[in-house]
């Protein structure tokens, strides 16, 4: 089930160019652009323009947008799974009806069958992963410094026993619903590569 398989440095945000001349000025009295020595002067592109999509404004201010993304960067969260930068699409359930979770460690991508007591939903809002699943983090080397845990379609809590298990391994936790957890993983894994892991329930659970 192991599959693994992937931008460039930025350019100046502002480019300023000025042309000066003192002869042969032609003006359009009814508005529009001016020509000086047949050189067309226009307002800077983008001046006075408003961004219709707030997401575009966020991208313009994203200080990591030109950073190298990890191979298993989560490109998008689908209704039933995750689309990764390594062109893997992990969906759940599979053809046999099994619930498939996603495990990301360094550049590796794993699918985890969670149907056979891989996790429990306690009292409708507490997720408890089996010790068999969490033992992966006891065996892997080097261990992730931070583990991002996605708890499915809504905000839930990770069980105290799971927290204590991972704490004993020296692993810090970031917990949220699977969609937000995917965003947190992308941010942390881009900023601090090779020390961030993720354990994600499918977003439709």
N, C-alpha and C. Protein backbone atom coordinates (compact mmCIF):
# COMPACT_ATOMS: atom_id res chain seq x y z
N UNK A 1 0.81 -1.20 0.00
CA UNK A 1 0.00 0.00 0.00
C UNK A 1 0.85 1.26 0.00
N UNK A 2 2.14 1.06 0.08
CA UNK A 2 3.04 2.23 0.07
C UNK A 2 3.18 2.74 -1.34
N UNK A 3 2.89 4.03 -1.46
CA UNK A 3 3.12 4.65 -2.77
C UNK A 3 3.79 5.97 -2.55
N UNK A 4 4.83 6.25 -3.26
CA UNK A 4 5.44 7.56 -3.16
C UNK A 4 6.04 7.94 -4.48
N UNK A 5 5.96 8.91 -4.53
CA UNK A 5 6.53 9.06 -5.79
C UNK A 5 8.00 9.36 -5.55
N UNK A 6 6.08 17.44 -7.03
CA UNK A 6 6.81 17.55 -6.92
C UNK A 6 7.03 18.41 -7.80
N UNK A 7 8.81 24.74 -6.10
CA UNK A 7 8.42 25.38 -7.33
C UNK A 7 9.49 26.34 -7.55
N UNK A 8 9.36 27.27 -7.68
CA UNK A 8 10.54 28.01 -8.10
C UNK A 8 10.64 29.24 -7.24
N UNK A 9 11.80 29.87 -7.23
CA UNK A 9 11.99 31.08 -6.44
C UNK A 9 11.17 32.23 -7.03
N UNK A 10 10.87 33.19 -6.23
CA UNK A 10 9.98 34.25 -6.67
C UNK A 10 10.67 35.33 -7.46
N UNK A 11 9.87 36.31 -7.89
CA UNK A 11 10.39 37.44 -8.63
C UNK A 11 9.94 38.71 -7.94
N UNK A 12 10.53 39.84 -8.23
CA UNK A 12 10.20 41.06 -7.50
C UNK A 12 8.71 41.36 -7.55
N UNK A 13 8.14 41.76 -6.40
CA UNK A 13 6.72 42.06 -6.36
C UNK A 13 6.40 43.39 -7.02
N UNK A 14 7.35 44.30 -7.00
CA UNK A 14 7.12 45.63 -7.58
C UNK A 14 8.21 45.95 -8.58
N UNK A 15 7.82 46.35 -9.74
CA UNK A 15 8.78 46.75 -10.75
C UNK A 15 8.44 48.16 -11.19
N UNK A 16 9.33 49.09 -10.97
CA UNK A 16 9.05 50.50 -11.26
C UNK A 16 9.92 50.99 -12.40
N UNK A 17 9.29 51.60 -13.40
CA UNK A 17 10.02 52.15 -14.55
C UNK A 17 9.49 53.54 -14.81
N UNK A 18 10.39 54.52 -14.95
CA UNK A 18 10.00 55.88 -15.27
C UNK A 18 10.72 56.35 -16.52
N UNK A 19 10.01 57.15 -17.35
CA UNK A 19 10.59 57.73 -18.56
C UNK A 19 10.41 59.24 -18.47
N UNK A 20 11.50 59.99 -18.60
CA UNK A 20 11.45 61.45 -18.51
C UNK A 20 11.78 62.08 -19.87
N UNK A 21 11.03 63.11 -20.24
CA UNK A 21 11.30 63.85 -21.47
C UNK A 21 10.73 65.26 -21.29
N UNK A 22 11.32 66.22 -21.95
CA UNK A 22 10.85 67.61 -21.81
C UNK A 22 10.38 68.21 -23.12
N UNK A 23 10.33 67.41 -24.18
CA UNK A 23 9.96 67.98 -25.48
C UNK A 23 8.80 67.21 -26.10
N UNK A 24 8.12 67.92 -27.00
CA UNK A 24 7.10 67.32 -27.84
C UNK A 24 6.06 66.56 -27.02
N UNK A 25 5.28 67.30 -26.27
CA UNK A 25 4.23 66.71 -25.45
C UNK A 25 2.89 66.79 -26.17
N UNK A 26 2.19 65.68 -26.28
CA UNK A 26 0.88 65.64 -26.90
C UNK A 26 -0.11 65.19 -25.84
N UNK A 27 -1.14 66.00 -25.61
CA UNK A 27 -2.11 65.66 -24.58
C UNK A 27 -3.46 65.41 -25.19
N UNK A 28 -4.17 64.47 -24.62
CA UNK A 28 -5.54 64.21 -25.00
C UNK A 28 -6.44 64.89 -23.97
N UNK A 29 -7.09 65.98 -24.37
CA UNK A 29 -7.87 66.78 -23.42
C UNK A 29 -9.12 66.08 -22.95
N UNK A 30 -9.49 65.02 -23.61
CA UNK A 30 -10.71 64.31 -23.26
C UNK A 30 -10.43 63.04 -22.47
N UNK A 31 -9.28 62.97 -21.83
CA UNK A 31 -8.95 61.80 -21.01
C UNK A 31 -8.15 60.78 -21.79
N UNK A 32 -7.83 59.70 -21.15
CA UNK A 32 -7.05 58.66 -21.79
C UNK A 32 -5.59 58.81 -21.49
N UNK A 33 -4.76 58.23 -22.31
CA UNK A 33 -3.32 58.25 -22.06
C UNK A 33 -2.66 59.44 -22.75
N UNK A 34 -1.42 59.74 -22.34
CA UNK A 34 -0.63 60.81 -22.93
C UNK A 34 0.53 60.20 -23.69
N UNK A 35 1.04 60.95 -24.68
CA UNK A 35 2.21 60.50 -25.42
C UNK A 35 3.28 61.57 -25.33
N UNK A 36 4.48 61.18 -24.96
CA UNK A 36 5.63 62.08 -24.92
C UNK A 36 6.70 61.47 -25.80
N UNK A 37 7.08 62.21 -26.86
CA UNK A 37 8.02 61.65 -27.85
C UNK A 37 7.53 60.28 -28.35
N UNK A 38 6.22 60.20 -28.51
CA UNK A 38 5.59 58.98 -29.03
C UNK A 38 5.73 57.79 -28.08
N UNK A 39 6.06 58.05 -26.80
CA UNK A 39 6.12 56.97 -25.82
C UNK A 39 4.82 57.01 -25.04
N UNK A 40 4.10 55.94 -25.04
CA UNK A 40 2.78 55.90 -24.41
C UNK A 40 2.94 55.70 -22.91
N UNK A 41 2.33 56.60 -22.12
CA UNK A 41 2.37 56.49 -20.67
C UNK A 41 0.99 56.09 -20.17
N UNK A 42 0.93 55.11 -19.34
CA UNK A 42 -0.33 54.64 -18.79
C UNK A 42 -0.18 54.43 -17.30
N UNK A 43 -1.27 54.47 -16.57
CA UNK A 43 -1.19 54.21 -15.13
C UNK A 43 -0.64 52.81 -14.89
N UNK A 44 0.04 52.61 -13.75
CA UNK A 44 0.56 51.28 -13.43
C UNK A 44 -0.55 50.25 -13.44
N UNK A 45 -0.27 49.10 -14.04
CA UNK A 45 -1.28 48.06 -14.09
C UNK A 45 -1.61 47.63 -12.67
N UNK A 46 -2.90 47.43 -12.42
CA UNK A 46 -3.32 46.99 -11.10
C UNK A 46 -3.68 48.12 -10.17
N UNK A 47 -3.30 49.37 -10.51
CA UNK A 47 -3.58 50.50 -9.62
C UNK A 47 -5.08 50.74 -9.59
N UNK A 48 -5.61 50.73 -8.39
CA UNK A 48 -7.04 50.98 -8.24
C UNK A 48 -7.90 49.75 -8.46
N UNK A 49 -7.27 48.62 -8.81
CA UNK A 49 -8.05 47.41 -9.04
C UNK A 49 -8.35 46.75 -7.72
N UNK A 50 -9.50 46.15 -7.61
CA UNK A 50 -9.86 45.41 -6.41
C UNK A 50 -9.90 43.93 -6.73
N UNK A 51 -9.54 43.10 -5.76
CA UNK A 51 -9.54 41.66 -5.94
C UNK A 51 -10.93 41.11 -5.64
N UNK A 52 -11.52 40.49 -6.63
CA UNK A 52 -12.88 39.99 -6.45
C UNK A 52 -12.90 38.77 -5.53
N UNK A 53 -11.88 37.93 -5.63
CA UNK A 53 -11.85 36.70 -4.85
C UNK A 53 -10.91 36.87 -3.66
N UNK A 54 -11.41 36.75 -2.42
CA UNK A 54 -10.54 36.90 -1.25
C UNK A 54 -9.39 35.92 -1.24
N UNK A 55 -9.59 34.74 -1.85
CA UNK A 55 -8.53 33.74 -1.89
C UNK A 55 -7.33 34.25 -2.69
N UNK A 56 -7.59 35.08 -3.72
CA UNK A 56 -6.48 35.63 -4.51
C UNK A 56 -5.65 36.59 -3.67
N UNK A 57 -6.33 37.37 -2.82
CA UNK A 57 -5.61 38.28 -1.94
C UNK A 57 -4.74 37.51 -0.96
N UNK A 58 -5.26 36.40 -0.46
CA UNK A 58 -4.49 35.55 0.46
C UNK A 58 -3.24 35.02 -0.23
N UNK A 59 -3.41 34.59 -1.49
CA UNK A 59 -2.26 34.05 -2.22
C UNK A 59 -1.18 35.10 -2.42
N UNK A 60 -1.60 36.36 -2.67
CA UNK A 60 -0.62 37.43 -2.89
C UNK A 60 0.21 37.69 -1.64
N UNK A 61 -0.37 37.40 -0.47
CA UNK A 61 0.31 37.64 0.80
C UNK A 61 0.86 36.37 1.41
N UNK A 62 0.84 35.28 0.66
CA UNK A 62 1.36 34.00 1.16
C UNK A 62 2.88 33.99 1.05
N UNK A 63 3.56 34.10 2.18
CA UNK A 63 5.02 34.20 2.16
C UNK A 63 5.68 32.89 1.77
N UNK A 64 4.91 31.79 1.75
CA UNK A 64 5.49 30.49 1.41
C UNK A 64 5.12 30.05 -0.01
N UNK A 65 4.46 30.92 -0.78
CA UNK A 65 3.93 30.47 -2.07
C UNK A 65 5.03 30.08 -3.05
N UNK A 66 6.26 30.61 -2.88
CA UNK A 66 7.35 30.24 -3.78
C UNK A 66 8.30 29.23 -3.13
N UNK A 67 7.95 28.71 -1.96
CA UNK A 67 8.78 27.71 -1.31
C UNK A 67 8.58 26.35 -1.97
N UNK A 68 9.57 25.49 -1.83
CA UNK A 68 9.45 24.15 -2.35
C UNK A 68 8.42 23.37 -1.53
N UNK A 69 7.44 22.80 -2.20
CA UNK A 69 6.42 22.04 -1.51
C UNK A 69 6.88 20.59 -1.33
N UNK A 70 6.48 19.94 -0.24
CA UNK A 70 6.82 18.52 -0.07
C UNK A 70 6.16 17.66 -1.14
N UNK A 71 6.74 16.50 -1.40
CA UNK A 71 6.21 15.62 -2.44
C UNK A 71 4.78 15.20 -2.13
N UNK A 72 4.48 14.98 -0.84
CA UNK A 72 3.13 14.55 -0.48
C UNK A 72 2.26 15.72 -0.01
N UNK A 73 2.53 16.91 -0.52
CA UNK A 73 1.70 18.09 -0.28
C UNK A 73 0.26 17.78 -0.69
N UNK A 74 -0.71 18.15 0.14
CA UNK A 74 -2.12 17.88 -0.16
C UNK A 74 -2.66 19.01 -1.03
N UNK A 75 -2.83 18.72 -2.31
CA UNK A 75 -3.30 19.74 -3.25
C UNK A 75 -4.74 20.16 -2.98
N UNK A 76 -5.58 19.19 -2.65
CA UNK A 76 -6.98 19.52 -2.39
C UNK A 76 -7.64 18.43 -1.57
N UNK A 77 -8.67 18.84 -0.84
CA UNK A 77 -9.48 17.90 -0.06
C UNK A 77 -10.77 17.66 -0.84
N UNK A 78 -10.98 16.42 -1.22
CA UNK A 78 -12.19 16.05 -1.94
C UNK A 78 -13.28 15.66 -0.96
N UNK A 79 -14.47 15.45 -1.46
CA UNK A 79 -15.58 15.05 -0.60
C UNK A 79 -15.30 13.73 0.09
N UNK A 80 -14.56 12.85 -0.61
CA UNK A 80 -14.32 11.52 -0.06
C UNK A 80 -12.84 11.17 0.07
N UNK A 81 -11.96 12.17 0.05
CA UNK A 81 -10.55 11.84 0.19
C UNK A 81 -9.63 13.01 -0.08
N UNK A 82 -8.39 12.69 -0.46
CA UNK A 82 -7.35 13.70 -0.62
C UNK A 82 -6.62 13.51 -1.94
N UNK A 83 -6.35 14.64 -2.62
CA UNK A 83 -5.55 14.63 -3.84
C UNK A 83 -4.20 15.22 -3.50
N UNK A 84 -3.11 14.44 -3.72
CA UNK A 84 -1.78 14.86 -3.32
C UNK A 84 -0.96 15.32 -4.51
N UNK A 85 0.12 16.08 -4.21
CA UNK A 85 0.98 16.61 -5.25
C UNK A 85 1.72 15.51 -6.00
N UNK A 86 1.86 14.33 -5.40
CA UNK A 86 2.52 13.22 -6.09
C UNK A 86 1.55 12.45 -6.99
N UNK A 87 0.41 13.09 -7.28
CA UNK A 87 -0.62 12.56 -8.18
C UNK A 87 -1.39 11.37 -7.62
N UNK A 88 -1.27 11.13 -6.32
CA UNK A 88 -2.09 10.09 -5.69
C UNK A 88 -3.44 10.68 -5.28
N UNK A 89 -4.48 9.89 -5.47
CA UNK A 89 -5.81 10.25 -5.00
C UNK A 89 -6.24 9.15 -4.03
N UNK A 90 -6.33 9.49 -2.76
CA UNK A 90 -6.72 8.52 -1.75
C UNK A 90 -8.18 8.76 -1.39
N UNK A 91 -9.02 7.79 -1.67
CA UNK A 91 -10.45 7.94 -1.44
C UNK A 91 -10.96 6.86 -0.50
N UNK A 92 -12.07 7.16 0.14
CA UNK A 92 -12.68 6.24 1.09
C UNK A 92 -14.20 6.39 1.01
N UNK A 93 -14.93 5.25 1.02
CA UNK A 93 -14.42 3.87 1.16
C UNK A 93 -13.83 3.34 -0.14
N UNK A 94 -13.08 2.23 -0.02
CA UNK A 94 -12.54 1.60 -1.22
C UNK A 94 -13.59 0.70 -1.86
N UNK A 95 -13.20 -0.07 -2.85
CA UNK A 95 -14.16 -0.90 -3.59
C UNK A 95 -14.80 -1.97 -2.72
N UNK A 96 -14.11 -2.32 -1.62
CA UNK A 96 -14.65 -3.34 -0.72
C UNK A 96 -15.42 -2.73 0.44
N UNK A 97 -15.55 -1.41 0.42
CA UNK A 97 -16.29 -0.75 1.48
C UNK A 97 -15.48 -0.43 2.72
N UNK A 98 -14.16 -0.61 2.66
CA UNK A 98 -13.31 -0.34 3.81
C UNK A 98 -13.06 1.16 3.97
N UNK A 99 -12.99 1.62 5.20
CA UNK A 99 -12.65 3.02 5.49
C UNK A 99 -11.14 3.17 5.38
N UNK A 100 -10.70 4.08 4.51
CA UNK A 100 -9.27 4.25 4.22
C UNK A 100 -8.78 5.58 4.76
N UNK A 101 -7.83 5.50 5.68
CA UNK A 101 -7.19 6.70 6.21
C UNK A 101 -5.91 7.00 5.46
N UNK A 102 -5.35 8.17 5.72
CA UNK A 102 -4.13 8.63 5.05
C UNK A 102 -3.05 8.89 6.09
N UNK A 103 -1.87 8.34 5.84
CA UNK A 103 -0.72 8.55 6.72
C UNK A 103 0.40 9.15 5.89
N UNK A 104 0.92 10.31 6.33
CA UNK A 104 1.99 11.01 5.62
C UNK A 104 3.18 11.15 6.57
N UNK A 105 4.32 10.59 6.16
CA UNK A 105 5.54 10.70 6.95
C UNK A 105 6.68 11.06 6.01
N UNK A 106 7.31 12.21 6.26
CA UNK A 106 8.35 12.73 5.38
C UNK A 106 7.82 12.75 3.95
N UNK A 107 8.47 12.07 3.01
CA UNK A 107 8.00 12.08 1.63
C UNK A 107 7.14 10.86 1.30
N UNK A 108 6.82 10.07 2.31
CA UNK A 108 6.08 8.83 2.10
C UNK A 108 4.57 9.05 2.25
N UNK A 109 3.82 8.28 1.48
CA UNK A 109 2.36 8.31 1.54
C UNK A 109 1.84 6.89 1.74
N UNK A 110 0.99 6.71 2.76
CA UNK A 110 0.42 5.40 3.05
C UNK A 110 -1.10 5.48 3.08
N UNK A 111 -1.72 4.41 2.62
CA UNK A 111 -3.15 4.21 2.84
C UNK A 111 -3.30 3.23 4.01
N UNK A 112 -4.22 3.54 4.93
CA UNK A 112 -4.41 2.68 6.10
C UNK A 112 -5.85 2.20 6.13
N UNK A 113 -6.02 0.88 6.22
CA UNK A 113 -7.35 0.30 6.36
C UNK A 113 -7.79 0.44 7.82
N UNK A 114 -8.78 1.28 8.05
CA UNK A 114 -9.25 1.55 9.41
C UNK A 114 -10.52 0.79 9.77
N UNK A 115 -10.98 -0.07 8.88
CA UNK A 115 -12.26 -0.74 9.12
C UNK A 115 -12.19 -1.78 10.23
N UNK A 116 -11.07 -2.48 10.35
CA UNK A 116 -10.95 -3.56 11.33
C UNK A 116 -10.43 -3.02 12.66
N UNK A 117 -11.30 -2.29 13.36
CA UNK A 117 -10.96 -1.73 14.67
C UNK A 117 -9.76 -0.79 14.61
N UNK A 118 -9.58 -0.13 13.47
CA UNK A 118 -8.49 0.82 13.36
C UNK A 118 -8.71 2.06 14.21
N UNK A 119 -9.98 2.39 14.44
CA UNK A 119 -10.31 3.53 15.29
C UNK A 119 -11.70 3.32 15.86
N UNK A 120 -12.01 4.05 16.91
CA UNK A 120 -13.35 4.04 17.52
C UNK A 120 -13.86 5.46 17.64
N UNK A 121 -15.16 5.62 17.47
CA UNK A 121 -15.82 6.89 17.73
C UNK A 121 -16.58 6.74 19.04
N UNK A 122 -16.14 7.42 20.08
CA UNK A 122 -16.70 7.26 21.42
C UNK A 122 -17.60 8.45 21.74
N UNK A 123 -18.81 8.15 22.15
CA UNK A 123 -19.80 9.18 22.53
C UNK A 123 -20.05 10.20 21.42
N UNK A 124 -19.76 9.82 20.20
CA UNK A 124 -20.07 10.67 19.06
C UNK A 124 -19.08 11.78 18.77
N UNK A 125 -18.07 12.00 19.65
CA UNK A 125 -17.15 13.11 19.39
C UNK A 125 -15.71 12.84 19.84
N UNK A 126 -15.40 11.65 20.33
CA UNK A 126 -14.03 11.33 20.72
C UNK A 126 -13.50 10.24 19.80
N UNK A 127 -12.37 10.48 19.16
CA UNK A 127 -11.74 9.50 18.27
C UNK A 127 -10.59 8.83 19.02
N UNK A 128 -10.61 7.50 18.98
CA UNK A 128 -9.53 6.73 19.59
C UNK A 128 -8.95 5.79 18.54
N UNK A 129 -7.70 6.06 18.12
CA UNK A 129 -7.03 5.17 17.18
C UNK A 129 -6.48 3.97 17.94
N UNK A 130 -6.48 2.82 17.27
CA UNK A 130 -5.97 1.61 17.91
C UNK A 130 -4.47 1.71 18.13
N UNK A 131 -3.97 0.98 19.10
CA UNK A 131 -2.54 0.99 19.39
C UNK A 131 -1.75 0.45 18.21
N UNK A 132 -2.36 -0.46 17.48
CA UNK A 132 -1.68 -1.01 16.29
C UNK A 132 -1.37 0.08 15.27
N UNK A 133 -2.30 1.01 15.10
CA UNK A 133 -2.08 2.13 14.18
C UNK A 133 -1.00 3.06 14.71
N UNK A 134 -1.09 3.42 15.99
CA UNK A 134 -0.15 4.39 16.56
C UNK A 134 1.25 3.81 16.72
N UNK A 135 1.37 2.48 16.76
CA UNK A 135 2.70 1.86 16.89
C UNK A 135 3.60 2.19 15.70
N UNK A 136 3.01 2.62 14.59
CA UNK A 136 3.82 3.03 13.44
C UNK A 136 4.79 4.12 13.87
N UNK A 137 4.33 5.04 14.72
CA UNK A 137 5.16 6.17 15.13
C UNK A 137 6.22 5.77 16.15
N UNK A 138 6.02 4.63 16.79
CA UNK A 138 7.04 4.11 17.70
C UNK A 138 8.17 3.45 16.92
N UNK A 139 7.88 2.99 15.73
CA UNK A 139 8.87 2.23 14.95
C UNK A 139 9.59 3.07 13.90
N UNK A 140 8.95 4.14 13.44
CA UNK A 140 9.55 4.93 12.37
C UNK A 140 10.71 5.76 12.91
N UNK A 141 11.72 5.93 12.07
CA UNK A 141 12.87 6.75 12.46
C UNK A 141 13.32 7.58 11.26
N UNK A 142 13.51 8.88 11.43
CA UNK A 142 13.24 9.65 12.65
C UNK A 142 11.75 9.89 12.83
N UNK A 143 11.34 10.05 14.07
CA UNK A 143 9.94 10.32 14.37
C UNK A 143 9.60 11.76 14.01
N UNK A 144 8.37 12.00 13.59
CA UNK A 144 7.98 13.40 13.33
C UNK A 144 7.96 14.19 14.63
N UNK A 145 8.38 15.43 14.56
CA UNK A 145 8.32 16.30 15.73
C UNK A 145 6.88 16.71 16.03
N UNK A 146 6.11 16.91 14.95
CA UNK A 146 4.71 17.30 15.09
C UNK A 146 3.86 16.36 14.24
N UNK A 147 2.78 15.87 14.82
CA UNK A 147 1.83 15.04 14.08
C UNK A 147 0.52 15.79 13.96
N UNK A 148 0.07 15.98 12.71
CA UNK A 148 -1.21 16.62 12.45
C UNK A 148 -2.26 15.52 12.33
N UNK A 149 -3.27 15.58 13.18
CA UNK A 149 -4.29 14.53 13.22
C UNK A 149 -5.62 15.09 12.74
N UNK A 150 -6.16 14.49 11.69
CA UNK A 150 -7.46 14.87 11.15
C UNK A 150 -8.53 13.93 11.63
N UNK A 151 -9.58 14.45 12.26
CA UNK A 151 -10.58 13.61 12.93
C UNK A 151 -11.89 13.50 12.17
N UNK A 152 -11.82 13.62 10.84
CA UNK A 152 -13.01 13.40 10.02
C UNK A 152 -13.74 14.65 9.61
N UNK A 153 -15.05 14.54 9.48
CA UNK A 153 -15.86 15.59 8.85
C UNK A 153 -16.17 16.76 9.76
N UNK A 154 -15.94 16.63 11.05
CA UNK A 154 -16.30 17.70 12.00
C UNK A 154 -15.27 17.80 13.11
N UNK A 155 -15.38 18.85 13.91
CA UNK A 155 -14.47 19.04 15.03
C UNK A 155 -14.77 17.99 16.11
N UNK A 156 -13.74 17.26 16.47
CA UNK A 156 -13.87 16.23 17.51
C UNK A 156 -12.66 16.30 18.42
N UNK A 157 -12.59 15.39 19.37
CA UNK A 157 -11.47 15.33 20.29
C UNK A 157 -10.70 14.03 20.09
N UNK A 158 -9.40 14.09 20.26
CA UNK A 158 -8.58 12.89 20.27
C UNK A 158 -8.58 12.34 21.69
N UNK A 159 -8.67 11.02 21.83
CA UNK A 159 -8.76 10.42 23.15
C UNK A 159 -7.52 10.70 23.99
N UNK A 160 -7.70 10.73 25.31
CA UNK A 160 -6.59 10.98 26.23
C UNK A 160 -5.54 9.89 26.11
N UNK A 161 -5.95 8.64 25.90
CA UNK A 161 -4.98 7.56 25.79
C UNK A 161 -4.10 7.73 24.55
N UNK A 162 -4.68 8.20 23.45
CA UNK A 162 -3.89 8.48 22.24
C UNK A 162 -2.92 9.62 22.48
N UNK A 163 -3.38 10.69 23.16
CA UNK A 163 -2.52 11.83 23.45
C UNK A 163 -1.33 11.41 24.30
N UNK A 164 -1.58 10.59 25.32
CA UNK A 164 -0.51 10.15 26.22
C UNK A 164 0.48 9.26 25.48
N UNK A 165 -0.02 8.39 24.62
CA UNK A 165 0.85 7.50 23.84
C UNK A 165 1.83 8.31 23.00
N UNK A 166 1.31 9.29 22.27
CA UNK A 166 2.14 10.10 21.38
C UNK A 166 3.06 11.04 22.17
N UNK A 167 2.57 11.52 23.32
CA UNK A 167 3.39 12.38 24.17
C UNK A 167 4.61 11.61 24.68
N UNK A 168 4.44 10.35 25.03
CA UNK A 168 5.57 9.54 25.50
C UNK A 168 6.64 9.37 24.42
N UNK A 169 6.21 9.46 23.17
CA UNK A 169 7.16 9.36 22.05
C UNK A 169 7.81 10.71 21.74
N UNK A 170 7.41 11.75 22.47
CA UNK A 170 7.96 13.08 22.24
C UNK A 170 7.38 13.78 21.03
N UNK A 171 6.17 13.39 20.64
CA UNK A 171 5.53 13.97 19.45
C UNK A 171 4.47 14.98 19.88
N UNK A 172 4.57 16.20 19.35
CA UNK A 172 3.55 17.23 19.59
C UNK A 172 2.39 17.03 18.64
N UNK A 173 1.22 17.54 19.01
CA UNK A 173 0.01 17.30 18.23
C UNK A 173 -0.63 18.60 17.75
N UNK A 174 -1.17 18.54 16.53
CA UNK A 174 -2.08 19.54 16.00
C UNK A 174 -3.33 18.78 15.57
N UNK A 175 -4.47 19.09 16.16
CA UNK A 175 -5.68 18.30 15.95
C UNK A 175 -6.79 19.18 15.39
N UNK A 176 -7.55 18.64 14.44
CA UNK A 176 -8.70 19.36 13.89
C UNK A 176 -9.49 18.43 12.99
N UNK A 177 -10.55 18.96 12.38
CA UNK A 177 -11.25 18.15 11.38
C UNK A 177 -10.31 17.92 10.20
N UNK A 178 -10.60 16.93 9.38
CA UNK A 178 -9.64 16.50 8.36
C UNK A 178 -9.35 17.56 7.32
N UNK A 179 -10.33 18.40 6.98
CA UNK A 179 -10.10 19.45 6.00
C UNK A 179 -9.12 20.50 6.54
N UNK A 180 -9.34 20.97 7.76
CA UNK A 180 -8.42 21.94 8.36
C UNK A 180 -7.07 21.32 8.65
N UNK A 181 -7.07 20.06 9.05
CA UNK A 181 -5.80 19.38 9.33
C UNK A 181 -4.94 19.29 8.07
N UNK A 182 -5.56 19.08 6.92
CA UNK A 182 -4.82 19.03 5.65
C UNK A 182 -4.15 20.38 5.38
N UNK A 183 -4.85 21.49 5.65
CA UNK A 183 -4.26 22.82 5.46
C UNK A 183 -3.10 23.06 6.42
N UNK A 184 -3.27 22.62 7.66
CA UNK A 184 -2.21 22.79 8.66
C UNK A 184 -0.98 21.97 8.26
N UNK A 185 -1.20 20.75 7.79
CA UNK A 185 -0.08 19.91 7.35
C UNK A 185 0.69 20.59 6.22
N UNK A 186 -0.02 21.09 5.23
CA UNK A 186 0.63 21.75 4.09
C UNK A 186 1.50 22.92 4.55
N UNK A 187 0.96 23.73 5.45
CA UNK A 187 1.70 24.89 5.94
C UNK A 187 2.95 24.47 6.72
N UNK A 188 2.79 23.55 7.65
CA UNK A 188 3.92 23.14 8.49
C UNK A 188 4.95 22.36 7.69
N UNK A 189 4.49 21.47 6.81
CA UNK A 189 5.42 20.66 6.03
C UNK A 189 6.20 21.48 5.03
N UNK A 190 5.63 22.60 4.56
CA UNK A 190 6.34 23.50 3.66
C UNK A 190 7.36 24.33 4.43
N UNK A 191 6.96 24.77 5.62
CA UNK A 191 7.82 25.61 6.43
C UNK A 191 8.93 24.81 7.10
N UNK A 192 8.63 23.59 7.53
CA UNK A 192 9.59 22.76 8.26
C UNK A 192 9.59 21.35 7.67
N UNK A 193 10.17 21.16 6.52
CA UNK A 193 10.12 19.86 5.84
C UNK A 193 10.79 18.75 6.65
N UNK A 194 10.26 17.54 6.49
CA UNK A 194 10.82 16.30 7.04
C UNK A 194 10.66 16.13 8.54
N UNK A 195 9.96 17.04 9.22
CA UNK A 195 9.74 16.84 10.65
C UNK A 195 8.24 16.85 10.99
N UNK A 196 7.38 16.89 9.97
CA UNK A 196 5.94 16.94 10.17
C UNK A 196 5.30 15.68 9.58
N UNK A 197 4.38 15.07 10.34
CA UNK A 197 3.63 13.92 9.84
C UNK A 197 2.14 14.19 9.94
N UNK A 198 1.35 13.34 9.32
CA UNK A 198 -0.11 13.50 9.37
C UNK A 198 -0.79 12.14 9.43
N UNK A 199 -1.82 12.07 10.24
CA UNK A 199 -2.70 10.90 10.30
C UNK A 199 -4.11 11.43 10.13
N UNK A 200 -4.74 11.11 8.99
CA UNK A 200 -5.99 11.75 8.61
C UNK A 200 -7.10 10.74 8.38
N UNK A 201 -8.18 10.90 9.11
CA UNK A 201 -9.39 10.16 8.76
C UNK A 201 -9.94 10.75 7.47
N UNK A 202 -10.64 9.96 6.66
CA UNK A 202 -11.23 10.54 5.45
C UNK A 202 -12.24 11.63 5.83
N UNK A 203 -12.39 12.65 4.98
CA UNK A 203 -13.24 13.80 5.32
C UNK A 203 -14.73 13.48 5.32
N UNK A 204 -15.11 12.27 4.91
CA UNK A 204 -16.53 11.92 4.90
C UNK A 204 -16.91 10.99 6.05
N UNK A 205 -16.06 10.89 7.06
CA UNK A 205 -16.36 10.03 8.22
C UNK A 205 -16.92 10.88 9.35
